[in-house]
């Protein structure tokens, strides 16, 4: 059995979080998979530029965001997002089988997808993936004050949408 390369080990450790972030950016499971794959490919090709001793996750999340911005620019901004095709499979199903946790998560994810892009990015990085303000600011190439205010506005909007805020 061969051992994993340093890149493979680092990527494997961050992969679930990278896919979550890609989903938060793209709002679509298939697009998120594509984005995560493109990010991995770009990171692999530029791994020689990674600075040992720095955080691999921050580096790869910056790459993911850049790839997403490039993707959005290349296909033009869409004003509305359609539901994923998988959602059609669930039409007509009795929702009573779902647990409250799944329902609450679904409501929270729907609310998250309604946030403006810049708030959604910050909320995903800090509240979902657990990055600190400074790390999120570095990933987004924004001043920490901008990240902080976007997080506050995003959090307030989420609470309002979920009926828990004022």
N, C-alpha and C. Protein backbone atom coordinates (compact mmCIF):
# COMPACT_ATOMS: atom_id res chain seq x y z
N UNK A 1 0.84 -1.17 0.00
CA UNK A 1 0.00 0.00 0.00
C UNK A 1 0.90 1.24 0.00
N UNK A 2 0.62 2.17 -0.89
CA UNK A 2 1.43 3.39 -0.97
C UNK A 2 0.87 4.45 -0.04
N UNK A 3 1.76 5.23 0.50
CA UNK A 3 1.31 6.32 1.37
C UNK A 3 0.91 7.52 0.51
N UNK A 4 0.08 8.37 1.09
CA UNK A 4 -0.40 9.55 0.37
C UNK A 4 0.70 10.61 0.29
N UNK A 5 0.68 11.35 -0.80
CA UNK A 5 1.61 12.47 -0.93
C UNK A 5 1.20 13.55 0.07
N UNK A 6 2.08 14.50 0.36
CA UNK A 6 1.70 15.59 1.27
C UNK A 6 0.45 16.34 0.77
N UNK A 7 0.38 16.57 -0.53
CA UNK A 7 -0.80 17.26 -1.07
C UNK A 7 -2.06 16.44 -0.84
N UNK A 8 -2.01 15.14 -1.16
CA UNK A 8 -3.18 14.28 -0.99
C UNK A 8 -3.63 14.22 0.47
N UNK A 9 -2.68 14.15 1.38
CA UNK A 9 -3.01 14.12 2.81
C UNK A 9 -3.70 15.40 3.24
N UNK A 10 -3.14 16.52 2.84
CA UNK A 10 -3.73 17.82 3.20
C UNK A 10 -5.12 17.98 2.60
N UNK A 11 -5.27 17.61 1.32
CA UNK A 11 -6.57 17.75 0.65
C UNK A 11 -7.61 16.83 1.27
N UNK A 12 -7.23 15.61 1.58
CA UNK A 12 -8.17 14.68 2.20
C UNK A 12 -8.69 15.21 3.53
N UNK A 13 -7.83 15.86 4.28
CA UNK A 13 -8.23 16.39 5.58
C UNK A 13 -9.22 17.55 5.46
N UNK A 14 -9.11 18.33 4.40
CA UNK A 14 -9.94 19.52 4.25
C UNK A 14 -11.14 19.28 3.31
N UNK A 15 -11.18 18.16 2.62
CA UNK A 15 -12.18 17.91 1.58
C UNK A 15 -13.63 18.11 2.02
N UNK A 16 -14.10 17.56 3.14
CA UNK A 16 -15.51 17.77 3.51
C UNK A 16 -15.84 19.26 3.73
N UNK A 17 -14.93 19.98 4.36
CA UNK A 17 -15.15 21.41 4.59
C UNK A 17 -15.11 22.18 3.27
N UNK A 18 -14.22 21.79 2.36
CA UNK A 18 -14.13 22.44 1.06
C UNK A 18 -15.43 22.23 0.28
N UNK A 19 -15.98 21.03 0.31
CA UNK A 19 -17.24 20.77 -0.40
C UNK A 19 -18.38 21.59 0.20
N UNK A 20 -18.41 21.72 1.54
CA UNK A 20 -19.45 22.55 2.17
C UNK A 20 -19.33 23.99 1.73
N UNK A 21 -18.11 24.51 1.70
CA UNK A 21 -17.88 25.89 1.27
C UNK A 21 -18.27 26.05 -0.19
N UNK A 22 -17.92 25.09 -1.01
CA UNK A 22 -18.28 25.14 -2.44
C UNK A 22 -19.79 25.15 -2.59
N UNK A 23 -20.48 24.39 -1.76
CA UNK A 23 -21.95 24.38 -1.83
C UNK A 23 -22.52 25.73 -1.39
N UNK A 24 -21.93 26.30 -0.35
CA UNK A 24 -22.41 27.61 0.12
C UNK A 24 -22.22 28.66 -0.97
N UNK A 25 -21.14 28.56 -1.73
CA UNK A 25 -20.91 29.52 -2.81
C UNK A 25 -21.84 29.27 -3.99
N UNK A 26 -21.97 28.03 -4.40
CA UNK A 26 -22.66 27.71 -5.65
C UNK A 26 -24.16 27.51 -5.50
N UNK A 27 -24.61 27.13 -4.31
CA UNK A 27 -26.03 26.89 -4.04
C UNK A 27 -26.59 25.69 -4.80
N UNK A 28 -25.75 24.82 -5.29
CA UNK A 28 -26.20 23.68 -6.07
C UNK A 28 -25.21 22.53 -5.85
N UNK A 29 -25.74 21.35 -5.57
CA UNK A 29 -24.88 20.20 -5.24
C UNK A 29 -23.96 19.84 -6.40
N UNK A 30 -24.48 19.79 -7.61
CA UNK A 30 -23.65 19.42 -8.77
C UNK A 30 -22.59 20.49 -9.03
N UNK A 31 -22.97 21.76 -8.96
CA UNK A 31 -22.01 22.84 -9.15
C UNK A 31 -20.95 22.82 -8.04
N UNK A 32 -21.38 22.48 -6.81
CA UNK A 32 -20.44 22.40 -5.70
C UNK A 32 -19.41 21.30 -5.93
N UNK A 33 -19.86 20.16 -6.43
CA UNK A 33 -18.93 19.07 -6.73
C UNK A 33 -17.93 19.51 -7.81
N UNK A 34 -18.45 20.16 -8.85
CA UNK A 34 -17.57 20.66 -9.92
C UNK A 34 -16.57 21.68 -9.38
N UNK A 35 -17.07 22.59 -8.55
CA UNK A 35 -16.21 23.64 -7.99
C UNK A 35 -15.12 23.03 -7.10
N UNK A 36 -15.49 22.08 -6.27
CA UNK A 36 -14.50 21.43 -5.40
C UNK A 36 -13.45 20.70 -6.25
N UNK A 37 -13.90 20.04 -7.30
CA UNK A 37 -12.97 19.33 -8.18
C UNK A 37 -12.03 20.30 -8.89
N UNK A 38 -12.58 21.40 -9.41
CA UNK A 38 -11.73 22.40 -10.09
C UNK A 38 -10.74 23.01 -9.11
N UNK A 39 -11.19 23.22 -7.87
CA UNK A 39 -10.31 23.76 -6.84
C UNK A 39 -9.16 22.80 -6.55
N UNK A 40 -9.49 21.52 -6.41
CA UNK A 40 -8.46 20.51 -6.14
C UNK A 40 -7.45 20.46 -7.28
N UNK A 41 -7.94 20.54 -8.51
CA UNK A 41 -7.05 20.49 -9.66
C UNK A 41 -6.12 21.71 -9.69
N UNK A 42 -6.70 22.88 -9.46
CA UNK A 42 -5.89 24.10 -9.46
C UNK A 42 -4.87 24.09 -8.31
N UNK A 43 -5.31 23.62 -7.14
CA UNK A 43 -4.41 23.54 -5.98
C UNK A 43 -3.27 22.56 -6.26
N UNK A 44 -3.59 21.43 -6.88
CA UNK A 44 -2.56 20.45 -7.20
C UNK A 44 -1.53 21.03 -8.15
N UNK A 45 -2.01 21.74 -9.17
CA UNK A 45 -1.10 22.31 -10.16
C UNK A 45 -0.22 23.41 -9.57
N UNK A 46 -0.71 24.08 -8.53
CA UNK A 46 0.06 25.19 -7.96
C UNK A 46 0.58 24.88 -6.55
N UNK A 47 0.62 23.58 -6.19
CA UNK A 47 1.06 23.20 -4.85
C UNK A 47 2.48 23.66 -4.56
N UNK A 48 3.29 23.83 -5.60
CA UNK A 48 4.65 24.31 -5.38
C UNK A 48 4.67 25.75 -4.86
N UNK A 49 3.56 26.45 -5.00
CA UNK A 49 3.45 27.83 -4.50
C UNK A 49 2.96 27.88 -3.06
N UNK A 50 2.47 26.75 -2.53
CA UNK A 50 2.01 26.70 -1.15
C UNK A 50 3.20 26.90 -0.21
N UNK A 51 3.02 27.76 0.76
CA UNK A 51 4.09 28.05 1.72
C UNK A 51 4.00 27.09 2.91
N UNK A 52 4.94 26.16 3.04
CA UNK A 52 4.93 25.27 4.20
C UNK A 52 4.93 26.09 5.49
N UNK A 53 4.18 25.60 6.45
CA UNK A 53 4.07 26.32 7.72
C UNK A 53 2.85 27.22 7.77
N UNK A 54 2.19 27.43 6.63
CA UNK A 54 0.95 28.20 6.62
C UNK A 54 -0.21 27.23 6.57
N UNK A 55 -1.41 27.75 6.71
CA UNK A 55 -2.60 26.89 6.76
C UNK A 55 -3.03 26.47 5.36
N UNK A 56 -3.01 25.18 5.13
CA UNK A 56 -3.44 24.63 3.84
C UNK A 56 -4.91 24.94 3.60
N UNK A 57 -5.75 24.81 4.65
CA UNK A 57 -7.18 25.04 4.45
C UNK A 57 -7.47 26.47 4.00
N UNK A 58 -6.81 27.44 4.60
CA UNK A 58 -7.01 28.83 4.17
C UNK A 58 -6.57 29.02 2.72
N UNK A 59 -5.46 28.41 2.36
CA UNK A 59 -4.94 28.53 1.01
C UNK A 59 -5.91 27.93 -0.01
N UNK A 60 -6.41 26.74 0.29
CA UNK A 60 -7.30 26.06 -0.67
C UNK A 60 -8.68 26.74 -0.71
N UNK A 61 -9.14 27.31 0.39
CA UNK A 61 -10.41 28.04 0.39
C UNK A 61 -10.29 29.31 -0.47
N UNK A 62 -9.14 29.98 -0.42
CA UNK A 62 -8.92 31.15 -1.28
C UNK A 62 -8.96 30.74 -2.75
N UNK A 63 -8.35 29.62 -3.05
CA UNK A 63 -8.38 29.11 -4.42
C UNK A 63 -9.82 28.82 -4.83
N UNK A 64 -10.57 28.19 -3.97
CA UNK A 64 -11.97 27.86 -4.25
C UNK A 64 -12.77 29.12 -4.56
N UNK A 65 -12.60 30.13 -3.74
CA UNK A 65 -13.34 31.38 -3.96
C UNK A 65 -12.94 32.02 -5.28
N UNK A 66 -11.67 32.01 -5.59
CA UNK A 66 -11.20 32.58 -6.86
C UNK A 66 -11.76 31.80 -8.05
N UNK A 67 -11.74 30.48 -7.96
CA UNK A 67 -12.30 29.65 -9.03
C UNK A 67 -13.78 29.95 -9.19
N UNK A 68 -14.49 30.09 -8.07
CA UNK A 68 -15.93 30.39 -8.14
C UNK A 68 -16.17 31.74 -8.82
N UNK A 69 -15.44 32.75 -8.43
CA UNK A 69 -15.60 34.08 -9.04
C UNK A 69 -15.33 33.99 -10.54
N UNK A 70 -14.28 33.30 -10.92
CA UNK A 70 -13.97 33.13 -12.35
C UNK A 70 -15.10 32.40 -13.07
N UNK A 71 -15.66 31.38 -12.43
CA UNK A 71 -16.76 30.61 -13.04
C UNK A 71 -17.98 31.49 -13.24
N UNK A 72 -18.32 32.26 -12.21
CA UNK A 72 -19.49 33.13 -12.30
C UNK A 72 -19.29 34.17 -13.39
N UNK A 73 -18.12 34.75 -13.44
CA UNK A 73 -17.84 35.75 -14.47
C UNK A 73 -17.92 35.15 -15.86
N UNK A 74 -17.42 33.94 -16.02
CA UNK A 74 -17.38 33.34 -17.36
C UNK A 74 -18.77 32.99 -17.87
N UNK A 75 -19.68 32.62 -16.99
CA UNK A 75 -21.02 32.26 -17.47
C UNK A 75 -22.04 33.36 -17.24
N UNK A 76 -21.59 34.46 -16.67
CA UNK A 76 -22.49 35.58 -16.42
C UNK A 76 -23.31 35.32 -15.17
N UNK A 77 -23.65 36.38 -14.49
CA UNK A 77 -24.44 36.23 -13.26
C UNK A 77 -25.87 35.84 -13.59
N UNK A 78 -26.36 34.88 -12.87
CA UNK A 78 -27.77 34.49 -13.01
C UNK A 78 -28.56 35.24 -11.95
N UNK A 79 -29.71 35.75 -12.34
CA UNK A 79 -30.51 36.49 -11.36
C UNK A 79 -31.32 35.56 -10.47
N UNK A 80 -31.61 34.36 -10.97
CA UNK A 80 -32.37 33.41 -10.15
C UNK A 80 -31.72 32.04 -10.26
N UNK A 81 -31.78 31.30 -9.17
CA UNK A 81 -31.23 29.96 -9.15
C UNK A 81 -32.37 28.96 -9.11
N UNK A 82 -32.27 27.96 -9.94
CA UNK A 82 -33.28 26.92 -9.98
C UNK A 82 -32.96 25.88 -8.92
N UNK A 83 -34.01 25.17 -8.53
CA UNK A 83 -33.81 24.07 -7.59
C UNK A 83 -33.03 22.97 -8.29
N UNK A 84 -32.19 22.24 -7.55
CA UNK A 84 -31.46 21.14 -8.17
C UNK A 84 -32.43 20.09 -8.72
N UNK A 85 -32.03 19.41 -9.78
CA UNK A 85 -32.91 18.42 -10.40
C UNK A 85 -33.29 17.31 -9.43
N UNK A 86 -32.42 17.03 -8.45
CA UNK A 86 -32.73 15.99 -7.47
C UNK A 86 -33.97 16.34 -6.64
N UNK A 87 -34.28 17.62 -6.53
CA UNK A 87 -35.45 18.04 -5.74
C UNK A 87 -36.74 17.50 -6.34
N UNK A 88 -36.78 17.30 -7.66
CA UNK A 88 -37.98 16.78 -8.31
C UNK A 88 -38.30 15.36 -7.84
N UNK A 89 -37.27 14.60 -7.46
CA UNK A 89 -37.49 13.23 -6.99
C UNK A 89 -38.28 13.19 -5.69
N UNK A 90 -38.27 14.28 -4.95
CA UNK A 90 -38.90 14.30 -3.63
C UNK A 90 -40.29 14.93 -3.64
N UNK A 91 -40.77 15.37 -4.78
CA UNK A 91 -42.10 15.96 -4.86
C UNK A 91 -43.14 14.90 -4.53
N UNK A 92 -44.08 15.27 -3.70
CA UNK A 92 -45.16 14.36 -3.36
C UNK A 92 -44.85 13.42 -2.21
N UNK A 93 -43.65 13.41 -1.70
CA UNK A 93 -43.32 12.55 -0.57
C UNK A 93 -43.88 13.13 0.71
N UNK A 94 -44.28 12.26 1.60
CA UNK A 94 -44.81 12.68 2.90
C UNK A 94 -43.65 13.17 3.76
N UNK A 95 -43.65 14.44 4.17
CA UNK A 95 -42.52 14.98 4.92
C UNK A 95 -42.47 14.56 6.38
N UNK A 96 -43.47 13.82 6.86
CA UNK A 96 -43.48 13.46 8.28
C UNK A 96 -42.34 12.53 8.67
N UNK A 97 -41.73 11.86 7.71
CA UNK A 97 -40.62 10.95 8.02
C UNK A 97 -39.33 11.70 8.36
N UNK A 98 -39.26 12.95 7.96
CA UNK A 98 -38.04 13.74 8.23
C UNK A 98 -37.98 14.11 9.71
N UNK A 99 -36.76 14.14 10.23
CA UNK A 99 -36.59 14.54 11.62
C UNK A 99 -36.57 16.06 11.73
N UNK A 100 -36.80 16.56 12.93
CA UNK A 100 -36.78 18.01 13.11
C UNK A 100 -35.42 18.60 12.81
N UNK A 101 -34.36 17.87 13.09
CA UNK A 101 -33.02 18.39 12.80
C UNK A 101 -32.84 18.60 11.30
N UNK A 102 -33.32 17.69 10.51
CA UNK A 102 -33.21 17.81 9.06
C UNK A 102 -34.05 18.98 8.57
N UNK A 103 -35.24 19.13 9.13
CA UNK A 103 -36.11 20.24 8.75
C UNK A 103 -35.46 21.57 9.11
N UNK A 104 -34.93 21.66 10.33
CA UNK A 104 -34.27 22.89 10.76
C UNK A 104 -33.06 23.20 9.90
N UNK A 105 -32.28 22.17 9.57
CA UNK A 105 -31.11 22.37 8.71
C UNK A 105 -31.55 22.83 7.33
N UNK A 106 -32.60 22.23 6.81
CA UNK A 106 -33.12 22.64 5.50
C UNK A 106 -33.56 24.09 5.49
N UNK A 107 -34.26 24.50 6.55
CA UNK A 107 -34.69 25.90 6.65
C UNK A 107 -33.48 26.83 6.74
N UNK A 108 -32.51 26.43 7.53
CA UNK A 108 -31.32 27.27 7.68
C UNK A 108 -30.55 27.37 6.35
N UNK A 109 -30.45 26.26 5.62
CA UNK A 109 -29.73 26.29 4.33
C UNK A 109 -30.50 27.13 3.31
N UNK A 110 -31.84 27.05 3.32
CA UNK A 110 -32.62 27.88 2.42
C UNK A 110 -32.42 29.36 2.75
N UNK A 111 -32.43 29.66 4.02
CA UNK A 111 -32.21 31.05 4.44
C UNK A 111 -30.80 31.50 4.04
N UNK A 112 -29.82 30.65 4.23
CA UNK A 112 -28.44 30.98 3.86
C UNK A 112 -28.35 31.29 2.38
N UNK A 113 -29.05 30.52 1.55
CA UNK A 113 -28.98 30.73 0.10
C UNK A 113 -29.63 32.04 -0.33
N UNK A 114 -30.45 32.62 0.52
CA UNK A 114 -31.10 33.89 0.19
C UNK A 114 -30.24 35.11 0.53
N UNK A 115 -29.17 34.88 1.26
CA UNK A 115 -28.29 35.99 1.61
C UNK A 115 -27.55 36.48 0.37
N UNK A 116 -27.19 37.76 0.34
CA UNK A 116 -26.33 38.25 -0.74
C UNK A 116 -24.99 37.49 -0.71
N UNK A 117 -24.35 37.38 -1.87
CA UNK A 117 -23.11 36.60 -2.00
C UNK A 117 -22.08 36.95 -0.94
N UNK A 118 -21.84 38.24 -0.74
CA UNK A 118 -20.77 38.62 0.18
C UNK A 118 -21.09 38.25 1.63
N UNK A 119 -22.36 38.28 2.02
CA UNK A 119 -22.73 37.85 3.37
C UNK A 119 -22.68 36.33 3.48
N UNK A 120 -23.14 35.64 2.45
CA UNK A 120 -23.17 34.18 2.46
C UNK A 120 -21.75 33.62 2.58
N UNK A 121 -20.79 34.22 1.87
CA UNK A 121 -19.40 33.76 1.94
C UNK A 121 -18.87 33.87 3.37
N UNK A 122 -19.11 35.01 4.00
CA UNK A 122 -18.60 35.24 5.36
C UNK A 122 -19.27 34.30 6.35
N UNK A 123 -20.59 34.15 6.25
CA UNK A 123 -21.32 33.26 7.15
C UNK A 123 -20.82 31.83 6.97
N UNK A 124 -20.63 31.41 5.74
CA UNK A 124 -20.16 30.04 5.49
C UNK A 124 -18.77 29.82 6.09
N UNK A 125 -17.89 30.78 5.90
CA UNK A 125 -16.52 30.61 6.40
C UNK A 125 -16.46 30.63 7.93
N UNK A 126 -17.16 31.58 8.55
CA UNK A 126 -17.01 31.77 10.00
C UNK A 126 -17.98 30.89 10.79
N UNK A 127 -19.26 30.91 10.45
CA UNK A 127 -20.23 30.17 11.26
C UNK A 127 -20.31 28.69 10.90
N UNK A 128 -20.08 28.34 9.66
CA UNK A 128 -20.20 26.94 9.27
C UNK A 128 -18.85 26.24 9.33
N UNK A 129 -17.81 26.84 8.77
CA UNK A 129 -16.51 26.17 8.72
C UNK A 129 -15.59 26.53 9.88
N UNK A 130 -15.96 27.49 10.69
CA UNK A 130 -15.21 27.76 11.90
C UNK A 130 -13.93 28.56 11.74
N UNK A 131 -13.77 29.24 10.60
CA UNK A 131 -12.60 30.10 10.45
C UNK A 131 -12.76 31.32 11.36
N UNK A 132 -11.65 31.87 11.79
CA UNK A 132 -11.66 33.10 12.57
C UNK A 132 -11.86 34.29 11.63
N UNK A 133 -12.14 35.43 12.21
CA UNK A 133 -12.37 36.65 11.42
C UNK A 133 -11.15 36.97 10.56
N UNK A 134 -9.98 36.90 11.16
CA UNK A 134 -8.75 37.24 10.44
C UNK A 134 -8.52 36.27 9.27
N UNK A 135 -8.74 34.98 9.51
CA UNK A 135 -8.57 33.99 8.43
C UNK A 135 -9.58 34.22 7.32
N UNK A 136 -10.83 34.49 7.69
CA UNK A 136 -11.86 34.76 6.67
C UNK A 136 -11.50 36.01 5.88
N UNK A 137 -10.99 37.02 6.56
CA UNK A 137 -10.59 38.25 5.87
C UNK A 137 -9.47 37.97 4.87
N UNK A 138 -8.54 37.11 5.24
CA UNK A 138 -7.45 36.75 4.33
C UNK A 138 -7.97 35.96 3.14
N UNK A 139 -8.85 35.00 3.38
CA UNK A 139 -9.42 34.19 2.31
C UNK A 139 -10.18 35.06 1.32
N UNK A 140 -10.95 36.00 1.85
CA UNK A 140 -11.79 36.85 1.00
C UNK A 140 -11.07 38.10 0.49
N UNK A 141 -9.85 38.31 0.96
CA UNK A 141 -9.06 39.50 0.59
C UNK A 141 -9.86 40.76 0.90
N UNK A 142 -10.42 40.81 2.10
CA UNK A 142 -11.22 41.95 2.56
C UNK A 142 -10.68 42.41 3.92
N UNK A 143 -10.86 43.69 4.25
CA UNK A 143 -10.48 44.15 5.59
C UNK A 143 -11.31 43.43 6.65
N UNK A 144 -10.74 43.24 7.82
CA UNK A 144 -11.43 42.51 8.88
C UNK A 144 -12.72 43.23 9.29
N UNK A 145 -12.74 44.55 9.23
CA UNK A 145 -13.96 45.30 9.55
C UNK A 145 -15.09 45.00 8.58
N UNK A 146 -14.75 44.84 7.31
CA UNK A 146 -15.75 44.50 6.30
C UNK A 146 -16.30 43.10 6.57
N UNK A 147 -15.42 42.17 6.89
CA UNK A 147 -15.85 40.81 7.20
C UNK A 147 -16.76 40.82 8.42
N UNK A 148 -16.38 41.57 9.44
CA UNK A 148 -17.16 41.65 10.67
C UNK A 148 -18.55 42.22 10.40
N UNK A 149 -18.63 43.30 9.65
CA UNK A 149 -19.95 43.91 9.39
C UNK A 149 -20.81 43.01 8.51
N UNK A 150 -20.20 42.32 7.55
CA UNK A 150 -20.97 41.40 6.71
C UNK A 150 -21.49 40.23 7.52
N UNK A 151 -20.68 39.77 8.47
CA UNK A 151 -21.14 38.68 9.33
C UNK A 151 -22.31 39.12 10.19
N UNK A 152 -22.22 40.30 10.76
CA UNK A 152 -23.32 40.81 11.59
C UNK A 152 -24.60 40.94 10.77
N UNK A 153 -24.48 41.55 9.58
CA UNK A 153 -25.67 41.70 8.72
C UNK A 153 -26.20 40.34 8.28
N UNK A 154 -25.31 39.42 7.93
CA UNK A 154 -25.74 38.09 7.52
C UNK A 154 -26.41 37.33 8.64
N UNK A 155 -25.84 37.40 9.83
CA UNK A 155 -26.43 36.72 10.99
C UNK A 155 -27.80 37.30 11.31
N UNK A 156 -27.92 38.64 11.29
CA UNK A 156 -29.22 39.26 11.57
C UNK A 156 -30.25 38.87 10.52
N UNK A 157 -29.85 38.82 9.26
CA UNK A 157 -30.78 38.45 8.20
C UNK A 157 -31.22 36.99 8.36
N UNK A 158 -30.27 36.11 8.69
CA UNK A 158 -30.64 34.70 8.92
C UNK A 158 -31.62 34.56 10.07
N UNK A 159 -31.34 35.23 11.17
CA UNK A 159 -32.25 35.16 12.32
C UNK A 159 -33.64 35.69 11.97
N UNK A 160 -33.69 36.76 11.21
CA UNK A 160 -34.98 37.32 10.80
C UNK A 160 -35.73 36.33 9.90
N UNK A 161 -35.02 35.72 8.95
CA UNK A 161 -35.66 34.75 8.03
C UNK A 161 -36.14 33.51 8.77
N UNK A 162 -35.43 33.14 9.82
CA UNK A 162 -35.80 31.96 10.59
C UNK A 162 -36.79 32.28 11.71
N UNK A 163 -37.19 33.57 11.80
CA UNK A 163 -38.18 33.98 12.79
C UNK A 163 -37.65 34.04 14.20
N UNK A 164 -36.33 34.20 14.35
CA UNK A 164 -35.73 34.23 15.68
C UNK A 164 -35.13 35.57 16.03
N UNK A 165 -35.15 36.50 15.10
CA UNK A 165 -34.54 37.81 15.34
C UNK A 165 -35.57 38.89 15.40
N UNK A 166 -35.11 40.06 15.72
CA UNK A 166 -36.02 41.20 15.77
C UNK A 166 -35.84 42.09 14.58
